[in-house]
Amino acid sequence: MSKAPAETPIIADGAPTLASTRNEWISHLRGLNRSPQTIALYLRALDGLDRFLTEQGMPRALRAIRREHLEAWMVAMQDRGLAPSHVSILFRAVRPFFGYMVDEDELDRSPMDKMRTPAVPFDPPKVLDPSQVAALLAACRGTDFISRRDLALLSLMLDTGLRRGEVAGLTLGDLNVAQRTAYIASSTSKSRRGRAIVYGDSSAKALLRYLRHPKAPHAAQEPLWRARTGLPLTGNEIYHTLRRRAAQVGLVVHPHQLRHTWADAMLKSGHNEGDVMQLGGWASRQMLDRYGASVAAERARDAYRSPVDRLARR
């Protein structure tokens, strides 16, 4: 990897750097009411870039950072084996920072102005097939508290496509068992938009069975999910709960795969894309378009009729 030219100062005296403007960037993002997850992603990207520039002896002063330094960062991430989708996400997470610095007159123009977002090969999201879903839910069946909780938890995630943080943020009062609905608060949603979601009879039955247990929450303001200790179940614990249940039936599953599986099933069953987007809490169509393309490809395969076979029958 090439180093910065000797005559280029790494940090000019008093010049703003990525590190010195970090707190200002956080304040700006909070002022825009960006979600904690989004802010964490933006900071991870900015810190990763700063670390790379430091390690390579490249300029860290804002006005000294050039396109070639950012391109070198992209290449380094690819060489480390990061997935193209991950590299693209980090690229897009850094771009707004430089735009903000232009708005604040710290830069005349962004070094990313003419850079294109790294291409991401199209790979349909991985989803669970019906037999895998059935096996995963069967692994949770039992009469004890943890079995009841896990069955209700995973049923709800598969039935609604909720993100891990949204599931962890639910309170008992967010449920309307009679109407089979739950309310997702804007504070727990990645898109920062509150929304109501619906779930089916099987999930409703699993939830009621869980809530009948003496260890389950009973007050509206209490978190819906409890750990064995009685404390609220965190997003990280939800992750490990799913991994443990999946391992019992020989699967490796991450929480977002349940969301992929839900979206895929909704589109395959003929639900309107706009409705799926609303229920899933997507602010843009980018991710939904991936599911739509996957479903369209499956329809095309199902509709395929061999032209050679037709000729042979003549």
C-alpha atoms as a PDB file:
ATOM      1  CA  MET A   1       0.000   0.000   0.000  1.00  0.00           C
ATOM      2  CA  SER A   2       1.435   3.375  -0.982  1.00  0.00           C
ATOM      3  CA  LYS A   3       2.091   5.962   1.713  1.00  0.00           C
ATOM      4  CA  ALA A   4       1.208   9.637   1.562  1.00  0.00           C
ATOM      5  CA  PRO A   5       3.920  11.778  -0.071  1.00  0.00           C
ATOM      6  CA  ALA A   6       6.464  13.096   2.444  1.00  0.00           C
ATOM      7  CA  GLU A   7       5.584  16.700   1.654  1.00  0.00           C
ATOM      8  CA  THR A   8       1.908  16.157   2.532  1.00  0.00           C
ATOM      9  CA  PRO A   9       1.316  16.867   6.244  1.00  0.00           C
ATOM     10  CA  ILE A  10      -0.607  14.144   8.050  1.00  0.00           C
ATOM     11  CA  ILE A  11      -2.237  16.764  10.256  1.00  0.00           C
ATOM     12  CA  ALA A  12      -1.677  20.459   9.735  1.00  0.00           C
ATOM     13  CA  ASP A  13      -1.474  22.532  12.925  1.00  0.00           C
ATOM     14  CA  GLY A  14      -4.979  23.339  14.108  1.00  0.00           C
ATOM     15  CA  ALA A  15      -6.605  21.792  11.039  1.00  0.00           C
ATOM     16  CA  PRO A  16      -9.843  19.850  11.615  1.00  0.00           C
ATOM     17  CA  THR A  17      -9.518  16.082  11.276  1.00  0.00           C
ATOM     18  CA  LEU A  18     -11.859  13.112  11.191  1.00  0.00           C
ATOM     19  CA  ALA A  19     -11.256  12.595  14.908  1.00  0.00           C
ATOM     20  CA  SER A  20     -11.602  16.238  15.964  1.00  0.00           C
ATOM     21  CA  THR A  21     -14.962  16.629  14.159  1.00  0.00           C
ATOM     22  CA  ARG A  22     -16.371  13.279  15.357  1.00  0.00           C
ATOM     23  CA  ASN A  23     -18.386  14.694  18.277  1.00  0.00           C
ATOM     24  CA  GLU A  24     -19.801  17.454  16.088  1.00  0.00           C
ATOM     25  CA  TRP A  25     -20.889  14.789  13.598  1.00  0.00           C
ATOM     26  CA  ILE A  26     -22.622  12.851  16.381  1.00  0.00           C
ATOM     27  CA  SER A  27     -24.487  15.977  17.502  1.00  0.00           C
ATOM     28  CA  HIS A  28     -25.575  16.660  13.933  1.00  0.00           C
ATOM     29  CA  LEU A  29     -26.900  13.123  13.495  1.00  0.00           C
ATOM     30  CA  ARG A  30     -28.772  13.302  16.780  1.00  0.00           C
ATOM     31  CA  GLY A  31     -30.255  16.604  15.689  1.00  0.00           C
ATOM     32  CA  LEU A  32     -31.546  14.861  12.576  1.00  0.00           C
ATOM     33  CA  ASN A  33     -33.132  12.233  14.867  1.00  0.00           C
ATOM     34  CA  ARG A  34     -31.168   9.398  13.302  1.00  0.00           C
ATOM     35  CA  SER A  35     -31.645   6.083  15.058  1.00  0.00           C
ATOM     36  CA  PRO A  36     -28.943   4.821  17.459  1.00  0.00           C
ATOM     37  CA  GLN A  37     -28.262   1.968  15.006  1.00  0.00           C
ATOM     38  CA  THR A  38     -27.709   4.402  12.138  1.00  0.00           C
ATOM     39  CA  ILE A  39     -25.435   6.627  14.224  1.00  0.00           C
ATOM     40  CA  ALA A  40     -23.426   3.583  15.313  1.00  0.00           C
ATOM     41  CA  LEU A  41     -22.990   2.527  11.666  1.00  0.00           C
ATOM     42  CA  TYR A  42     -21.865   6.017  10.575  1.00  0.00           C
ATOM     43  CA  LEU A  43     -19.334   6.161  13.400  1.00  0.00           C
ATOM     44  CA  ARG A  44     -18.027   2.672  12.686  1.00  0.00           C
ATOM     45  CA  ALA A  45     -17.385   3.707   9.093  1.00  0.00           C
ATOM     46  CA  LEU A  46     -15.755   7.025  10.059  1.00  0.00           C
ATOM     47  CA  ASP A  47     -13.558   5.416  12.704  1.00  0.00           C
ATOM     48  CA  GLY A  48     -12.562   2.673  10.285  1.00  0.00           C
ATOM     49  CA  LEU A  49     -11.485   5.241   7.719  1.00  0.00           C
ATOM     50  CA  ASP A  50      -9.532   7.229  10.327  1.00  0.00           C
ATOM     51  CA  ARG A  51      -7.805   4.082  11.543  1.00  0.00           C
ATOM     52  CA  PHE A  52      -6.851   3.106   7.992  1.00  0.00           C
ATOM     53  CA  LEU A  53      -5.424   6.553   7.203  1.00  0.00           C
ATOM     54  CA  THR A  54      -3.406   6.493  10.434  1.00  0.00           C
ATOM     55  CA  GLU A  55      -2.016   3.006   9.801  1.00  0.00           C
ATOM     56  CA  GLN A  56      -1.028   3.885   6.235  1.00  0.00           C
ATOM     57  CA  GLY A  57       0.513   7.252   7.100  1.00  0.00           C
ATOM     58  CA  MET A  58      -2.006   9.045   4.909  1.00  0.00           C
ATOM     59  CA  PRO A  59      -3.433  12.534   5.569  1.00  0.00           C
ATOM     60  CA  ARG A  60      -6.030  12.819   8.316  1.00  0.00           C
ATOM     61  CA  ALA A  61      -6.656  16.560   8.049  1.00  0.00           C
ATOM     62  CA  LEU A  62      -9.998  17.011   6.256  1.00  0.00           C
ATOM     63  CA  ARG A  63      -8.681  19.284   3.521  1.00  0.00           C
ATOM     64  CA  ALA A  64      -5.796  16.892   2.754  1.00  0.00           C
ATOM     65  CA  ILE A  65      -7.962  13.787   2.246  1.00  0.00           C
ATOM     66  CA  ARG A  66      -8.286  12.995  -1.454  1.00  0.00           C
ATOM     67  CA  ARG A  67     -10.241  10.592  -3.579  1.00  0.00           C
ATOM     68  CA  GLU A  68      -7.223   8.285  -3.928  1.00  0.00           C
ATOM     69  CA  HIS A  69      -7.056   7.861  -0.151  1.00  0.00           C
ATOM     70  CA  LEU A  70     -10.697   6.809  -0.027  1.00  0.00           C
ATOM     71  CA  GLU A  71     -10.244   4.458  -2.964  1.00  0.00           C
ATOM     72  CA  ALA A  72      -7.270   2.891  -1.168  1.00  0.00           C
ATOM     73  CA  TRP A  73      -9.541   2.327   1.841  1.00  0.00           C
ATOM     74  CA  MET A  74     -12.095   0.581  -0.390  1.00  0.00           C
ATOM     75  CA  VAL A  75      -9.436  -1.697  -1.863  1.00  0.00           C
ATOM     76  CA  ALA A  76      -8.010  -2.502   1.578  1.00  0.00           C
ATOM     77  CA  MET A  77     -11.433  -3.593   2.844  1.00  0.00           C
ATOM     78  CA  GLN A  78     -11.925  -5.804  -0.189  1.00  0.00           C
ATOM     79  CA  ASP A  79      -8.457  -7.299   0.279  1.00  0.00           C
ATOM     80  CA  ARG A  80      -9.361  -8.124   3.883  1.00  0.00           C
ATOM     81  CA  GLY A  81     -12.224 -10.220   2.573  1.00  0.00           C
ATOM     82  CA  LEU A  82     -15.144  -7.966   3.519  1.00  0.00           C
ATOM     83  CA  ALA A  83     -18.275  -8.787   1.538  1.00  0.00           C
ATOM     84  CA  PRO A  84     -19.042  -6.344  -1.316  1.00  0.00           C
ATOM     85  CA  SER A  85     -22.323  -5.451   0.392  1.00  0.00           C
ATOM     86  CA  HIS A  86     -20.447  -4.539   3.589  1.00  0.00           C
ATOM     87  CA  VAL A  87     -17.933  -2.395   1.706  1.00  0.00           C
ATOM     88  CA  SER A  88     -20.813  -0.622  -0.047  1.00  0.00           C
ATOM     89  CA  ILE A  89     -22.574   0.047   3.274  1.00  0.00           C
ATOM     90  CA  LEU A  90     -19.439   1.578   4.829  1.00  0.00           C
ATOM     91  CA  PHE A  91     -18.837   3.693   1.715  1.00  0.00           C
ATOM     92  CA  ARG A  92     -22.378   5.078   1.878  1.00  0.00           C
ATOM     93  CA  ALA A  93     -22.056   5.643   5.626  1.00  0.00           C
ATOM     94  CA  VAL A  94     -18.998   7.908   5.185  1.00  0.00           C
ATOM     95  CA  ARG A  95     -20.330   9.989   2.273  1.00  0.00           C
ATOM     96  CA  PRO A  96     -22.791  12.091   4.357  1.00  0.00           C
ATOM     97  CA  PHE A  97     -19.981  13.112   6.724  1.00  0.00           C
ATOM     98  CA  PHE A  98     -18.038  14.835   3.968  1.00  0.00           C
ATOM     99  CA  GLY A  99     -21.236  16.440   2.669  1.00  0.00           C
ATOM    100  CA  TYR A 100     -21.860  17.858   6.129  1.00  0.00           C
ATOM    101  CA  MET A 101     -18.316  19.222   6.275  1.00  0.00           C
ATOM    102  CA  VAL A 102     -18.957  21.032   2.984  1.00  0.00           C
ATOM    103  CA  ASP A 103     -22.153  22.525   4.456  1.00  0.00           C
ATOM    104  CA  GLU A 104     -20.128  23.680   7.471  1.00  0.00           C
ATOM    105  CA  ASP A 105     -17.533  25.344   5.175  1.00  0.00           C
ATOM    106  CA  GLU A 106     -14.755  23.079   6.423  1.00  0.00           C
ATOM    107  CA  LEU A 107     -14.392  21.742   2.865  1.00  0.00           C
ATOM    108  CA  ASP A 108     -14.869  23.406  -0.501  1.00  0.00           C
ATOM    109  CA  ARG A 109     -16.055  20.116  -1.980  1.00  0.00           C
ATOM    110  CA  SER A 110     -16.323  16.514  -0.876  1.00  0.00           C
ATOM    111  CA  PRO A 111     -13.516  14.156  -1.950  1.00  0.00           C
ATOM    112  CA  MET A 112     -16.303  11.639  -2.636  1.00  0.00           C
ATOM    113  CA  ASP A 113     -18.177  13.866  -5.117  1.00  0.00           C
ATOM    114  CA  LYS A 114     -17.353  11.844  -8.222  1.00  0.00           C
ATOM    115  CA  MET A 115     -16.881   8.480  -6.574  1.00  0.00           C
ATOM    116  CA  ARG A 116     -19.368   5.755  -7.416  1.00  0.00           C
ATOM    117  CA  THR A 117     -20.789   3.439  -4.809  1.00  0.00           C
ATOM    118  CA  PRO A 118     -18.993   0.070  -5.041  1.00  0.00           C
ATOM    119  CA  ALA A 119     -20.981  -2.436  -7.054  1.00  0.00           C
ATOM    120  CA  VAL A 120     -22.711  -5.201  -5.128  1.00  0.00           C
ATOM    121  CA  PRO A 121     -23.368  -8.479  -6.975  1.00  0.00           C
ATOM    122  CA  PHE A 122     -27.031  -9.464  -6.838  1.00  0.00           C
ATOM    123  CA  ASP A 123     -27.538 -12.387  -4.492  1.00  0.00           C
ATOM    124  CA  PRO A 124     -31.094 -13.194  -3.372  1.00  0.00           C
ATOM    125  CA  PRO A 125     -31.394 -12.996   0.424  1.00  0.00           C
ATOM    126  CA  LYS A 126     -31.111 -16.387   2.102  1.00  0.00           C
ATOM    127  CA  VAL A 127     -34.445 -17.594   3.428  1.00  0.00           C
ATOM    128  CA  LEU A 128     -35.610 -20.623   5.382  1.00  0.00           C
ATOM    129  CA  ASP A 129     -37.768 -23.169   3.586  1.00  0.00           C
ATOM    130  CA  PRO A 130     -41.042 -24.352   5.219  1.00  0.00           C
ATOM    131  CA  SER A 131     -39.471 -27.527   6.618  1.00  0.00           C
ATOM    132  CA  GLN A 132     -36.705 -25.499   8.291  1.00  0.00           C
ATOM    133  CA  VAL A 133     -39.243 -23.075   9.776  1.00  0.00           C
ATOM    134  CA  ALA A 134     -41.261 -26.001  11.123  1.00  0.00           C
ATOM    135  CA  ALA A 135     -38.140 -27.603  12.619  1.00  0.00           C
ATOM    136  CA  LEU A 136     -37.055 -24.344  14.263  1.00  0.00           C
ATOM    137  CA  LEU A 137     -40.446 -23.840  15.912  1.00  0.00           C
ATOM    138  CA  ALA A 138     -40.633 -27.499  16.943  1.00  0.00           C
ATOM    139  CA  ALA A 139     -37.336 -27.068  18.805  1.00  0.00           C
ATOM    140  CA  CYS A 140     -39.055 -24.536  21.076  1.00  0.00           C
ATOM    141  CA  ARG A 141     -42.016 -26.670  22.126  1.00  0.00           C
ATOM    142  CA  GLY A 142     -42.266 -27.409  25.833  1.00  0.00           C
ATOM    143  CA  THR A 143     -44.133 -26.432  28.965  1.00  0.00           C
ATOM    144  CA  ASP A 144     -41.383 -24.573  30.820  1.00  0.00           C
ATOM    145  CA  PHE A 145     -41.039 -20.780  30.802  1.00  0.00           C
ATOM    146  CA  ILE A 146     -38.084 -20.603  28.366  1.00  0.00           C
ATOM    147  CA  SER A 147     -39.782 -22.931  25.854  1.00  0.00           C
ATOM    148  CA  ARG A 148     -42.981 -20.890  25.949  1.00  0.00           C
ATOM    149  CA  ARG A 149     -41.031 -17.654  25.587  1.00  0.00           C
ATOM    150  CA  ASP A 150     -38.873 -18.888  22.710  1.00  0.00           C
ATOM    151  CA  LEU A 151     -41.822 -20.273  20.756  1.00  0.00           C
ATOM    152  CA  ALA A 152     -43.738 -17.005  21.117  1.00  0.00           C
ATOM    153  CA  LEU A 153     -40.639 -14.942  20.302  1.00  0.00           C
ATOM    154  CA  LEU A 154     -39.630 -16.820  17.142  1.00  0.00           C
ATOM    155  CA  SER A 155     -43.239 -17.225  15.972  1.00  0.00           C
ATOM    156  CA  LEU A 156     -43.730 -13.470  16.207  1.00  0.00           C
ATOM    157  CA  MET A 157     -40.485 -12.722  14.345  1.00  0.00           C
ATOM    158  CA  LEU A 158     -41.360 -15.155  11.547  1.00  0.00           C
ATOM    159  CA  ASP A 159     -44.924 -13.825  11.374  1.00  0.00           C
ATOM    160  CA  THR A 160     -44.048 -10.119  11.237  1.00  0.00           C
ATOM    161  CA  GLY A 161     -40.470  -9.679   9.976  1.00  0.00           C
ATOM    162  CA  LEU A 162     -39.596  -7.542  12.998  1.00  0.00           C
ATOM    163  CA  ARG A 163     -35.987  -6.497  13.425  1.00  0.00           C
ATOM    164  CA  ARG A 164     -34.142  -7.748  16.513  1.00  0.00           C
ATOM    165  CA  GLY A 165     -34.119  -4.286  18.138  1.00  0.00           C
ATOM    166  CA  GLU A 166     -37.830  -3.828  17.478  1.00  0.00           C
ATOM    167  CA  VAL A 167     -38.625  -7.175  19.102  1.00  0.00           C
ATOM    168  CA  ALA A 168     -36.459  -6.393  22.132  1.00  0.00           C
ATOM    169  CA  GLY A 169     -38.169  -3.002  22.513  1.00  0.00           C
ATOM    170  CA  LEU A 170     -41.713  -4.367  22.805  1.00  0.00           C
ATOM    171  CA  THR A 171     -43.634  -3.909  26.042  1.00  0.00           C
ATOM    172  CA  LEU A 172     -46.706  -5.830  27.135  1.00  0.00           C
ATOM    173  CA  GLY A 173     -48.757  -2.708  26.479  1.00  0.00           C
ATOM    174  CA  ASP A 174     -47.669  -2.676  22.826  1.00  0.00           C
ATOM    175  CA  LEU A 175     -49.703  -5.846  22.215  1.00  0.00           C
ATOM    176  CA  ASN A 176     -53.385  -5.926  21.331  1.00  0.00           C
ATOM    177  CA  VAL A 177     -54.067  -9.614  21.668  1.00  0.00           C
ATOM    178  CA  ALA A 178     -57.734  -9.314  20.708  1.00  0.00           C
ATOM    179  CA  GLN A 179     -56.905  -7.662  17.379  1.00  0.00           C
ATOM    180  CA  ARG A 180     -53.684  -9.661  16.739  1.00  0.00           C
ATOM    181  CA  THR A 181     -51.644  -6.451  16.448  1.00  0.00           C
ATOM    182  CA  ALA A 182     -48.578  -4.899  18.041  1.00  0.00           C
ATOM    183  CA  TYR A 183     -47.277  -1.344  17.937  1.00  0.00           C
ATOM    184  CA  ILE A 184     -43.639  -0.667  17.113  1.00  0.00           C
ATOM    185  CA  ALA A 185     -42.496   2.615  18.670  1.00  0.00           C
ATOM    186  CA  SER A 186     -40.475   4.993  16.503  1.00  0.00           C
ATOM    187  CA  SER A 187     -37.732   4.978  19.142  1.00  0.00           C
ATOM    188  CA  THR A 188     -37.013   1.284  18.494  1.00  0.00           C
ATOM    189  CA  SER A 189     -37.485   1.324  14.705  1.00  0.00           C
ATOM    190  CA  LYS A 190     -34.487   1.635  12.389  1.00  0.00           C
ATOM    191  CA  SER A 191     -36.528   3.901  10.084  1.00  0.00           C
ATOM    192  CA  ARG A 192     -37.612   6.056  13.077  1.00  0.00           C
ATOM    193  CA  ARG A 193     -41.234   5.512  12.076  1.00  0.00           C
ATOM    194  CA  GLY A 194     -43.785   4.040  14.440  1.00  0.00           C
ATOM    195  CA  ARG A 195     -46.097   1.452  12.895  1.00  0.00           C
ATOM    196  CA  ALA A 196     -48.661  -1.190  13.740  1.00  0.00           C
ATOM    197  CA  ILE A 197     -48.000  -4.772  12.644  1.00  0.00           C
ATOM    198  CA  VAL A 198     -50.296  -7.787  12.513  1.00  0.00           C
ATOM    199  CA  TYR A 199     -49.692 -11.427  13.345  1.00  0.00           C
ATOM    200  CA  GLY A 200     -51.617 -14.661  12.907  1.00  0.00           C
ATOM    201  CA  ASP A 201     -53.516 -17.098  15.091  1.00  0.00           C
ATOM    202  CA  SER A 202     -50.559 -19.410  15.738  1.00  0.00           C
ATOM    203  CA  SER A 203     -48.418 -16.558  17.044  1.00  0.00           C
ATOM    204  CA  ALA A 204     -51.342 -15.250  19.095  1.00  0.00           C
ATOM    205  CA  LYS A 205     -51.788 -18.678  20.691  1.00  0.00           C
ATOM    206  CA  ALA A 206     -48.056 -18.921  21.463  1.00  0.00           C
ATOM    207  CA  LEU A 207     -48.057 -15.415  22.974  1.00  0.00           C
ATOM    208  CA  LEU A 208     -51.068 -16.114  25.195  1.00  0.00           C
ATOM    209  CA  ARG A 209     -49.500 -19.350  26.397  1.00  0.00           C
ATOM    210  CA  TYR A 210     -46.291 -17.481  27.238  1.00  0.00           C
ATOM    211  CA  LEU A 211     -48.162 -14.694  29.038  1.00  0.00           C
ATOM    212  CA  ARG A 212     -50.071 -17.191  31.203  1.00  0.00           C
ATOM    213  CA  HIS A 213     -46.806 -18.285  32.798  1.00  0.00           C
ATOM    214  CA  PRO A 214     -46.217 -16.788  36.276  1.00  0.00           C
ATOM    215  CA  LYS A 215     -42.780 -15.464  35.244  1.00  0.00           C
ATOM    216  CA  ALA A 216     -44.178 -13.537  32.249  1.00  0.00           C
ATOM    217  CA  PRO A 217     -44.773  -9.750  32.476  1.00  0.00           C
ATOM    218  CA  HIS A 218     -48.158  -8.612  33.772  1.00  0.00           C
ATOM    219  CA  ALA A 219     -47.968  -4.788  33.709  1.00  0.00           C
ATOM    220  CA  ALA A 220     -48.405  -2.813  30.472  1.00  0.00           C
ATOM    221  CA  GLN A 221     -45.129  -0.895  30.845  1.00  0.00           C
ATOM    222  CA  GLU A 222     -43.016  -4.011  31.401  1.00  0.00           C
ATOM    223  CA  PRO A 223     -40.749  -5.349  28.632  1.00  0.00           C
ATOM    224  CA  LEU A 224     -42.515  -8.189  26.819  1.00  0.00           C
ATOM    225  CA  TRP A 225     -39.600 -10.616  26.895  1.00  0.00           C
ATOM    226  CA  ARG A 226     -37.856 -11.747  30.042  1.00  0.00           C
ATOM    227  CA  ALA A 227     -34.644 -13.674  30.552  1.00  0.00           C
ATOM    228  CA  ARG A 228     -34.444 -16.613  32.942  1.00  0.00           C
ATOM    229  CA  THR A 229     -33.243 -14.147  35.601  1.00  0.00           C
ATOM    230  CA  GLY A 230     -36.371 -12.028  35.250  1.00  0.00           C
ATOM    231  CA  LEU A 231     -34.475  -9.157  33.618  1.00  0.00           C
ATOM    232  CA  PRO A 232     -35.533  -7.815  30.168  1.00  0.00           C
ATOM    233  CA  LEU A 233     -34.271  -9.868  27.222  1.00  0.00           C
ATOM    234  CA  THR A 234     -31.748  -7.820  25.230  1.00  0.00           C
ATOM    235  CA  GLY A 235     -31.209  -7.808  21.483  1.00  0.00           C
ATOM    236  CA  ASN A 236     -27.953  -9.683  21.974  1.00  0.00           C
ATOM    237  CA  GLU A 237     -29.740 -12.354  24.019  1.00  0.00           C
ATOM    238  CA  ILE A 238     -32.375 -12.686  21.295  1.00  0.00           C
ATOM    239  CA  TYR A 239     -29.548 -13.332  18.833  1.00  0.00           C
ATOM    240  CA  HIS A 240     -28.093 -16.101  20.992  1.00  0.00           C
ATOM    241  CA  THR A 241     -31.537 -17.578  21.686  1.00  0.00           C
ATOM    242  CA  LEU A 242     -32.153 -17.984  17.965  1.00  0.00           C
ATOM    243  CA  ARG A 243     -28.682 -19.414  17.338  1.00  0.00           C
ATOM    244  CA  ARG A 244     -29.140 -21.936  20.158  1.00  0.00           C
ATOM    245  CA  ARG A 245     -32.567 -23.083  18.947  1.00  0.00           C
ATOM    246  CA  ALA A 246     -31.347 -23.335  15.357  1.00  0.00           C
ATOM    247  CA  ALA A 247     -28.327 -25.394  16.410  1.00  0.00           C
ATOM    248  CA  GLN A 248     -30.681 -27.901  18.048  1.00  0.00           C
ATOM    249  CA  VAL A 249     -32.030 -28.813  14.591  1.00  0.00           C
ATOM    250  CA  GLY A 250     -28.738 -28.526  12.710  1.00  0.00           C
ATOM    251  CA  LEU A 251     -29.246 -25.022  11.311  1.00  0.00           C
ATOM    252  CA  VAL A 252     -27.205 -21.821  11.416  1.00  0.00           C
ATOM    253  CA  VAL A 253     -29.622 -18.898  11.435  1.00  0.00           C
ATOM    254  CA  HIS A 254     -29.222 -15.197  12.236  1.00  0.00           C
ATOM    255  CA  PRO A 255     -32.149 -12.938  13.243  1.00  0.00           C
ATOM    256  CA  HIS A 256     -32.288 -11.041   9.953  1.00  0.00           C
ATOM    257  CA  GLN A 257     -32.865 -14.314   8.102  1.00  0.00           C
ATOM    258  CA  LEU A 258     -36.254 -14.497   9.801  1.00  0.00           C
ATOM    259  CA  ARG A 259     -37.014 -11.058   8.340  1.00  0.00           C
ATOM    260  CA  HIS A 260     -35.825 -12.245   4.914  1.00  0.00           C
ATOM    261  CA  THR A 261     -38.028 -15.331   5.223  1.00  0.00           C
ATOM    262  CA  TRP A 262     -41.062 -13.248   6.180  1.00  0.00           C
ATOM    263  CA  ALA A 263     -40.677 -10.800   3.273  1.00  0.00           C
ATOM    264  CA  ASP A 264     -40.105 -13.628   0.792  1.00  0.00           C
ATOM    265  CA  ALA A 265     -43.204 -15.485   2.015  1.00  0.00           C
ATOM    266  CA  MET A 266     -45.358 -12.348   1.931  1.00  0.00           C
ATOM    267  CA  LEU A 267     -44.458 -11.577  -1.701  1.00  0.00           C
ATOM    268  CA  LYS A 268     -44.806 -15.194  -2.808  1.00  0.00           C
ATOM    269  CA  SER A 269     -48.293 -15.332  -1.312  1.00  0.00           C
ATOM    270  CA  GLY A 270     -49.330 -12.348  -3.438  1.00  0.00           C
ATOM    271  CA  HIS A 271     -49.213  -9.480  -0.945  1.00  0.00           C
ATOM    272  CA  ASN A 272     -48.871  -6.003  -2.434  1.00  0.00           C
ATOM    273  CA  GLU A 273     -45.267  -4.698  -2.326  1.00  0.00           C
ATOM    274  CA  GLY A 274     -46.433  -1.415  -0.804  1.00  0.00           C
ATOM    275  CA  ASP A 275     -48.164  -3.280   2.026  1.00  0.00           C
ATOM    276  CA  VAL A 276     -45.059  -5.388   2.667  1.00  0.00           C
ATOM    277  CA  MET A 277     -42.933  -2.230   2.716  1.00  0.00           C
ATOM    278  CA  GLN A 278     -45.291  -0.590   5.229  1.00  0.00           C
ATOM    279  CA  LEU A 279     -45.540  -3.621   7.526  1.00  0.00           C
ATOM    280  CA  GLY A 280     -41.787  -4.230   7.337  1.00  0.00           C
ATOM    281  CA  GLY A 281     -40.928  -0.643   8.216  1.00  0.00           C
ATOM    282  CA  TRP A 282     -38.728   0.057   5.178  1.00  0.00           C
ATOM    283  CA  ALA A 283     -38.076   3.712   4.378  1.00  0.00           C
ATOM    284  CA  SER A 284     -36.805   2.930   0.855  1.00  0.00           C
ATOM    285  CA  ARG A 285     -37.524   0.284  -1.749  1.00  0.00           C
ATOM    286  CA  GLN A 286     -33.918  -0.878  -2.150  1.00  0.00           C
ATOM    287  CA  MET A 287     -34.137  -3.952   0.062  1.00  0.00           C
ATOM    288  CA  LEU A 288     -37.676  -4.817  -0.985  1.00  0.00           C
ATOM    289  CA  ASP A 289     -36.600  -4.752  -4.631  1.00  0.00           C
ATOM    290  CA  ARG A 290     -34.120  -7.546  -3.851  1.00  0.00           C
ATOM    291  CA  TYR A 291     -36.941  -9.717  -2.553  1.00  0.00           C
ATOM    292  CA  GLY A 292     -39.134  -8.778  -5.516  1.00  0.00           C
ATOM    293  CA  ALA A 293     -36.414  -9.772  -7.985  1.00  0.00           C
ATOM    294  CA  SER A 294     -35.947 -13.091  -6.187  1.00  0.00           C
ATOM    295  CA  VAL A 295     -39.671 -13.860  -6.303  1.00  0.00           C
ATOM    296  CA  ALA A 296     -39.884 -12.819  -9.981  1.00  0.00           C
ATOM    297  CA  ALA A 297     -36.998 -15.173 -10.805  1.00  0.00           C
ATOM    298  CA  GLU A 298     -38.788 -18.044  -9.051  1.00  0.00           C
ATOM    299  CA  ARG A 299     -42.007 -17.310 -10.961  1.00  0.00           C
ATOM    300  CA  ALA A 300     -40.040 -17.344 -14.209  1.00  0.00           C
ATOM    301  CA  ARG A 301     -38.528 -20.741 -13.335  1.00  0.00           C
ATOM    302  CA  ASP A 302     -41.959 -22.134 -12.460  1.00  0.00           C
ATOM    303  CA  ALA A 303     -43.388 -20.833 -15.735  1.00  0.00           C
ATOM    304  CA  TYR A 304     -40.538 -22.259 -17.830  1.00  0.00           C
ATOM    305  CA  ARG A 305     -41.503 -24.574 -20.674  1.00  0.00           C
ATOM    306  CA  SER A 306     -38.731 -26.126 -22.766  1.00  0.00           C
ATOM    307  CA  PRO A 307     -38.761 -24.859 -26.381  1.00  0.00           C
ATOM    308  CA  VAL A 308     -36.802 -27.959 -27.430  1.00  0.00           C
ATOM    309  CA  ASP A 309     -39.421 -30.232 -25.879  1.00  0.00           C
ATOM    310  CA  ARG A 310     -42.129 -28.422 -27.823  1.00  0.00           C
ATOM    311  CA  LEU A 311     -40.246 -28.968 -31.062  1.00  0.00           C
ATOM    312  CA  ALA A 312     -39.765 -32.655 -30.274  1.00  0.00           C
ATOM    313  CA  ARG A 313     -43.511 -33.125 -29.825  1.00  0.00           C
ATOM    314  CA  ARG A 314     -44.335 -31.820 -33.282  1.00  0.00           C
END
